[in-house]
PDB file of all heavy atoms in Angstrom:
ATOM      1  N   ASP A   1      -4.022  21.525   7.667  1.00  0.00           N
ATOM      2  CA  ASP A   1      -4.233  20.666   6.499  1.00  0.00           C
ATOM      3  C   ASP A   1      -2.908  20.343   5.802  1.00  0.00           C
ATOM      4  O   ASP A   1      -2.710  19.233   5.302  1.00  0.00           O
ATOM      5  CB  ASP A   1      -5.178  21.341   5.502  1.00  0.00           C
ATOM      6  CG  ASP A   1      -6.616  21.399   6.012  1.00  0.00           C
ATOM      7  OD1 ASP A   1      -6.920  20.661   6.970  1.00  0.00           O
ATOM      8  OD2 ASP A   1      -7.416  22.180   5.454  1.00  0.00           O
ATOM      9  N   ILE A   2      -2.011  21.327   5.764  1.00  0.00           N
ATOM     10  CA  ILE A   2      -0.688  21.090   5.167  1.00  0.00           C
ATOM     11  C   ILE A   2       0.077  20.061   5.987  1.00  0.00           C
ATOM     12  O   ILE A   2       0.705  19.142   5.437  1.00  0.00           O
ATOM     13  CB  ILE A   2       0.114  22.402   5.072  1.00  0.00           C
ATOM     14  CG1 ILE A   2      -0.544  23.357   4.066  1.00  0.00           C
ATOM     15  CG2 ILE A   2       1.554  22.120   4.653  1.00  0.00           C
ATOM     16  CD1 ILE A   2      -0.522  22.856   2.643  1.00  0.00           C
ATOM     17  N   ASP A   3       0.025  20.183   7.318  1.00  0.00           N
ATOM     18  CA  ASP A   3       0.710  19.207   8.173  1.00  0.00           C
ATOM     19  C   ASP A   3       0.139  17.805   7.981  1.00  0.00           C
ATOM     20  O   ASP A   3       0.879  16.818   7.935  1.00  0.00           O
ATOM     21  CB  ASP A   3       0.591  19.618   9.641  1.00  0.00           C
ATOM     22  CG  ASP A   3       1.423  20.848   9.973  1.00  0.00           C
ATOM     23  OD1 ASP A   3       2.406  21.095   9.235  1.00  0.00           O
ATOM     24  OD2 ASP A   3       1.093  21.559  10.942  1.00  0.00           O
ATOM     25  N   THR A   4      -1.178  17.725   7.858  1.00  0.00           N
ATOM     26  CA  THR A   4      -1.815  16.424   7.618  1.00  0.00           C
ATOM     27  C   THR A   4      -1.393  15.852   6.271  1.00  0.00           C
ATOM     28  O   THR A   4      -1.124  14.645   6.143  1.00  0.00           O
ATOM     29  CB  THR A   4      -3.341  16.572   7.671  1.00  0.00           C
ATOM     30  OG1 THR A   4      -3.729  17.062   8.955  1.00  0.00           O
ATOM     31  CG2 THR A   4      -4.025  15.238   7.409  1.00  0.00           C
ATOM     32  N   ALA A   5      -1.336  16.723   5.257  1.00  0.00           N
ATOM     33  CA  ALA A   5      -0.920  16.283   3.922  1.00  0.00           C
ATOM     34  C   ALA A   5       0.516  15.766   3.944  1.00  0.00           C
ATOM     35  O   ALA A   5       0.830  14.744   3.315  1.00  0.00           O
ATOM     36  CB  ALA A   5      -1.057  17.430   2.929  1.00  0.00           C
ATOM     37  N   LEU A   6       1.385  16.459   4.678  1.00  0.00           N
ATOM     38  CA  LEU A   6       2.776  16.014   4.794  1.00  0.00           C
ATOM     39  C   LEU A   6       2.865  14.644   5.478  1.00  0.00           C
ATOM     40  O   LEU A   6       3.635  13.776   5.052  1.00  0.00           O
ATOM     41  CB  LEU A   6       3.601  17.044   5.570  1.00  0.00           C
ATOM     42  CG  LEU A   6       4.015  18.299   4.792  1.00  0.00           C
ATOM     43  CD1 LEU A   6       4.544  19.366   5.734  1.00  0.00           C
ATOM     44  CD2 LEU A   6       5.073  17.941   3.746  1.00  0.00           C
ATOM     45  N   SER A   7       2.071  14.460   6.520  1.00  0.00           N
ATOM     46  CA  SER A   7       2.069  13.164   7.224  1.00  0.00           C
ATOM     47  C   SER A   7       1.575  12.045   6.309  1.00  0.00           C
ATOM     48  O   SER A   7       2.142  10.943   6.289  1.00  0.00           O
ATOM     49  CB  SER A   7       1.184  13.246   8.475  1.00  0.00           C
ATOM     50  OG  SER A   7       1.700  14.170   9.403  1.00  0.00           O
ATOM     51  N   THR A   8       0.529  12.336   5.535  1.00  0.00           N
ATOM     52  CA  THR A   8       0.006  11.339   4.594  1.00  0.00           C
ATOM     53  C   THR A   8       1.044  10.987   3.544  1.00  0.00           C
ATOM     54  O   THR A   8       1.283   9.808   3.235  1.00  0.00           O
ATOM     55  CB  THR A   8      -1.263  11.865   3.911  1.00  0.00           C
ATOM     56  OG1 THR A   8      -2.244  12.168   4.900  1.00  0.00           O
ATOM     57  CG2 THR A   8      -1.822  10.849   2.933  1.00  0.00           C
ATOM     58  N   LEU A   9       1.681  12.017   3.002  1.00  0.00           N
ATOM     59  CA  LEU A   9       2.683  11.810   1.960  1.00  0.00           C
ATOM     60  C   LEU A   9       3.878  11.025   2.499  1.00  0.00           C
ATOM     61  O   LEU A   9       4.386  10.109   1.849  1.00  0.00           O
ATOM     62  CB  LEU A   9       3.136  13.164   1.416  1.00  0.00           C
ATOM     63  CG  LEU A   9       3.927  13.179   0.107  1.00  0.00           C
ATOM     64  CD1 LEU A   9       3.097  12.604  -1.034  1.00  0.00           C
ATOM     65  CD2 LEU A   9       4.372  14.597  -0.229  1.00  0.00           C
ATOM     66  N   ASN A  10       4.303  11.369   3.710  1.00  0.00           N
ATOM     67  CA  ASN A  10       5.440  10.670   4.317  1.00  0.00           C
ATOM     68  C   ASN A  10       5.108   9.199   4.582  1.00  0.00           C
ATOM     69  O   ASN A  10       5.988   8.332   4.517  1.00  0.00           O
ATOM     70  CB  ASN A  10       5.858  11.357   5.614  1.00  0.00           C
ATOM     71  CG  ASN A  10       6.546  12.690   5.359  1.00  0.00           C
ATOM     72  OD1 ASN A  10       7.122  12.903   4.292  1.00  0.00           O
ATOM     73  ND2 ASN A  10       6.483  13.594   6.323  1.00  0.00           N
ATOM     74  N   GLY A  11       3.846   8.924   4.897  1.00  0.00           N
ATOM     75  CA  GLY A  11       3.431   7.534   5.088  1.00  0.00           C
ATOM     76  C   GLY A  11       3.571   6.729   3.816  1.00  0.00           C
ATOM     77  O   GLY A  11       4.046   5.585   3.830  1.00  0.00           O
ATOM     78  N   TRP A  12       3.157   7.323   2.689  1.00  0.00           N
ATOM     79  CA  TRP A  12       3.292   6.639   1.397  1.00  0.00           C
ATOM     80  C   TRP A  12       4.767   6.467   1.027  1.00  0.00           C
ATOM     81  O   TRP A  12       5.173   5.411   0.541  1.00  0.00           O
ATOM     82  CB  TRP A  12       2.575   7.420   0.304  1.00  0.00           C
ATOM     83  CG  TRP A  12       1.077   7.414   0.437  1.00  0.00           C
ATOM     84  CD1 TRP A  12       0.306   6.428   0.971  1.00  0.00           C
ATOM     85  CD2 TRP A  12       0.184   8.449   0.022  1.00  0.00           C
ATOM     86  NE1 TRP A  12      -1.021   6.785   0.916  1.00  0.00           N
ATOM     87  CE2 TRP A  12      -1.135   8.023   0.331  1.00  0.00           C
ATOM     88  CE3 TRP A  12       0.339   9.694  -0.577  1.00  0.00           C
ATOM     89  CZ2 TRP A  12      -2.266   8.793   0.061  1.00  0.00           C
ATOM     90  CZ3 TRP A  12      -0.779  10.467  -0.858  1.00  0.00           C
ATOM     91  CH2 TRP A  12      -2.069  10.012  -0.536  1.00  0.00           C
ATOM     92  N   ARG A  13       5.553   7.497   1.290  1.00  0.00           N
ATOM     93  CA  ARG A  13       6.984   7.407   0.997  1.00  0.00           C
ATOM     94  C   ARG A  13       7.643   6.322   1.837  1.00  0.00           C
ATOM     95  O   ARG A  13       8.504   5.575   1.355  1.00  0.00           O
ATOM     96  CB  ARG A  13       7.678   8.745   1.258  1.00  0.00           C
ATOM     97  CG  ARG A  13       7.341   9.842   0.283  1.00  0.00           C
ATOM     98  CD  ARG A  13       8.235  11.051   0.490  1.00  0.00           C
ATOM     99  NE  ARG A  13       9.605  10.792   0.080  1.00  0.00           N
ATOM    100  CZ  ARG A  13      10.621  11.630   0.292  1.00  0.00           C
ATOM    101  NH1 ARG A  13      10.408  12.765   0.951  1.00  0.00           N
ATOM    102  NH2 ARG A  13      11.837  11.332  -0.115  1.00  0.00           N
ATOM    103  N   ALA A  14       7.237   6.239   3.091  1.00  0.00           N
ATOM    104  CA  ALA A  14       7.802   5.224   3.976  1.00  0.00           C
ATOM    105  C   ALA A  14       7.489   3.819   3.470  1.00  0.00           C
ATOM    106  O   ALA A  14       8.332   2.915   3.532  1.00  0.00           O
ATOM    107  CB  ALA A  14       7.260   5.404   5.395  1.00  0.00           C
ATOM    108  N   ASP A  15       6.281   3.635   2.942  1.00  0.00           N
ATOM    109  CA  ASP A  15       5.914   2.318   2.410  1.00  0.00           C
ATOM    110  C   ASP A  15       6.771   1.970   1.201  1.00  0.00           C
ATOM    111  O   ASP A  15       7.285   0.849   1.091  1.00  0.00           O
ATOM    112  CB  ASP A  15       4.436   2.299   2.023  1.00  0.00           C
ATOM    113  CG  ASP A  15       4.039   0.982   1.360  1.00  0.00           C
ATOM    114  OD1 ASP A  15       4.058  -0.047   2.048  1.00  0.00           O
ATOM    115  OD2 ASP A  15       3.724   0.994   0.154  1.00  0.00           O
ATOM    116  N   PHE A  16       6.949   2.913   0.291  1.00  0.00           N
ATOM    117  CA  PHE A  16       7.801   2.648  -0.866  1.00  0.00           C
ATOM    118  C   PHE A  16       9.250   2.419  -0.435  1.00  0.00           C
ATOM    119  O   PHE A  16       9.953   1.577  -0.997  1.00  0.00           O
ATOM    120  CB  PHE A  16       7.733   3.816  -1.863  1.00  0.00           C
ATOM    121  CG  PHE A  16       6.585   3.714  -2.831  1.00  0.00           C
ATOM    122  CD1 PHE A  16       5.407   4.410  -2.611  1.00  0.00           C
ATOM    123  CD2 PHE A  16       6.679   2.915  -3.956  1.00  0.00           C
ATOM    124  CE1 PHE A  16       4.333   4.310  -3.500  1.00  0.00           C
ATOM    125  CE2 PHE A  16       5.616   2.814  -4.861  1.00  0.00           C
ATOM    126  CZ  PHE A  16       4.446   3.512  -4.628  1.00  0.00           C
ATOM    127  N   GLY A  17       9.692   3.166   0.591  1.00  0.00           N
ATOM    128  CA  GLY A  17      11.058   2.989   1.084  1.00  0.00           C
ATOM    129  C   GLY A  17      11.277   1.616   1.701  1.00  0.00           C
ATOM    130  O   GLY A  17      12.289   0.958   1.438  1.00  0.00           O
ATOM    131  N   SER A  18      10.318   1.166   2.513  1.00  0.00           N
ATOM    132  CA  SER A  18      10.446  -0.163   3.122  1.00  0.00           C
ATOM    133  C   SER A  18      10.362  -1.251   2.065  1.00  0.00           C
ATOM    134  O   SER A  18      11.054  -2.275   2.153  1.00  0.00           O
ATOM    135  CB  SER A  18       9.373  -0.360   4.194  1.00  0.00           C
ATOM    136  OG  SER A  18       8.073  -0.272   3.639  1.00  0.00           O
ATOM    137  N   THR A  19       9.524  -1.034   1.045  1.00  0.00           N
ATOM    138  CA  THR A  19       9.442  -2.000  -0.052  1.00  0.00           C
ATOM    139  C   THR A  19      10.764  -2.067  -0.798  1.00  0.00           C
ATOM    140  O   THR A  19      11.235  -3.148  -1.166  1.00  0.00           O
ATOM    141  CB  THR A  19       8.315  -1.619  -1.025  1.00  0.00           C
ATOM    142  OG1 THR A  19       7.071  -1.586  -0.326  1.00  0.00           O
ATOM    143  CG2 THR A  19       8.213  -2.623  -2.162  1.00  0.00           C
ATOM    144  N   GLN A  20      11.385  -0.917  -1.010  1.00  0.00           N
ATOM    145  CA  GLN A  20      12.688  -0.889  -1.687  1.00  0.00           C
ATOM    146  C   GLN A  20      13.735  -1.640  -0.875  1.00  0.00           C
ATOM    147  O   GLN A  20      14.529  -2.423  -1.430  1.00  0.00           O
ATOM    148  CB  GLN A  20      13.139   0.552  -1.920  1.00  0.00           C
ATOM    149  CG  GLN A  20      14.487   0.652  -2.633  1.00  0.00           C
ATOM    150  CD  GLN A  20      14.912   2.083  -2.900  1.00  0.00           C
ATOM    151  OE1 GLN A  20      14.073   2.975  -3.011  1.00  0.00           O
ATOM    152  NE2 GLN A  20      16.192   2.319  -3.001  1.00  0.00           N
ATOM    153  N   ASN A  21      13.753  -1.435   0.441  1.00  0.00           N
ATOM    154  CA  ASN A  21      14.699  -2.167   1.293  1.00  0.00           C
ATOM    155  C   ASN A  21      14.476  -3.669   1.194  1.00  0.00           C
ATOM    156  O   ASN A  21      15.433  -4.458   1.145  1.00  0.00           O
ATOM    157  CB  ASN A  21      14.560  -1.718   2.750  1.00  0.00           C
ATOM    158  CG  ASN A  21      15.099  -0.321   2.983  1.00  0.00           C
ATOM    159  OD1 ASN A  21      15.973   0.136   2.251  1.00  0.00           O
ATOM    160  ND2 ASN A  21      14.595   0.356   3.998  1.00  0.00           N
ATOM    161  N   GLN A  22      13.206  -4.067   1.188  1.00  0.00           N
ATOM    162  CA  GLN A  22      12.876  -5.490   1.074  1.00  0.00           C
ATOM    163  C   GLN A  22      13.341  -6.052  -0.268  1.00  0.00           C
ATOM    164  O   GLN A  22      13.882  -7.165  -0.337  1.00  0.00           O
ATOM    165  CB  GLN A  22      11.366  -5.683   1.239  1.00  0.00           C
ATOM    166  CG  GLN A  22      10.933  -7.142   1.356  1.00  0.00           C
ATOM    167  CD  GLN A  22       9.434  -7.272   1.564  1.00  0.00           C
ATOM    168  OE1 GLN A  22       8.701  -6.272   1.554  1.00  0.00           O
ATOM    169  NE2 GLN A  22       8.971  -8.488   1.746  1.00  0.00           N
ATOM    170  N   LEU A  23      13.143  -5.286  -1.331  1.00  0.00           N
ATOM    171  CA  LEU A  23      13.572  -5.720  -2.662  1.00  0.00           C
ATOM    172  C   LEU A  23      15.095  -5.852  -2.745  1.00  0.00           C
ATOM    173  O   LEU A  23      15.612  -6.814  -3.317  1.00  0.00           O
ATOM    174  CB  LEU A  23      13.078  -4.727  -3.715  1.00  0.00           C
ATOM    175  CG  LEU A  23      11.580  -4.735  -4.006  1.00  0.00           C
ATOM    176  CD1 LEU A  23      11.181  -3.470  -4.773  1.00  0.00           C
ATOM    177  CD2 LEU A  23      11.186  -5.979  -4.808  1.00  0.00           C
ATOM    178  N   GLU A  24      15.802  -4.896  -2.173  1.00  0.00           N
ATOM    179  CA  GLU A  24      17.257  -4.942  -2.212  1.00  0.00           C
ATOM    180  C   GLU A  24      17.793  -6.118  -1.407  1.00  0.00           C
ATOM    181  O   GLU A  24      18.759  -6.777  -1.806  1.00  0.00           O
ATOM    182  CB  GLU A  24      17.836  -3.621  -1.695  1.00  0.00           C
ATOM    183  CG  GLU A  24      17.592  -2.451  -2.659  1.00  0.00           C
ATOM    184  CD  GLU A  24      18.017  -1.115  -2.081  1.00  0.00           C
ATOM    185  OE1 GLU A  24      18.266  -1.057  -0.854  1.00  0.00           O
ATOM    186  OE2 GLU A  24      18.107  -0.139  -2.841  1.00  0.00           O
ATOM    187  N   SER A  25      17.159  -6.397  -0.269  1.00  0.00           N
ATOM    188  CA  SER A  25      17.552  -7.560   0.525  1.00  0.00           C
ATOM    189  C   SER A  25      17.296  -8.853  -0.233  1.00  0.00           C
ATOM    190  O   SER A  25      18.138  -9.761  -0.261  1.00  0.00           O
ATOM    191  CB  SER A  25      16.778  -7.571   1.848  1.00  0.00           C
ATOM    192  OG  SER A  25      17.061  -8.742   2.597  1.00  0.00           O
TER     193      SER A  25
END
């Protein structure tokens, strides 16, 4: 369950990270 939670959290972080890259571009 912890591994699944980490994967879920990393997915959300990745979305915010890609959005930030798009905004900076």
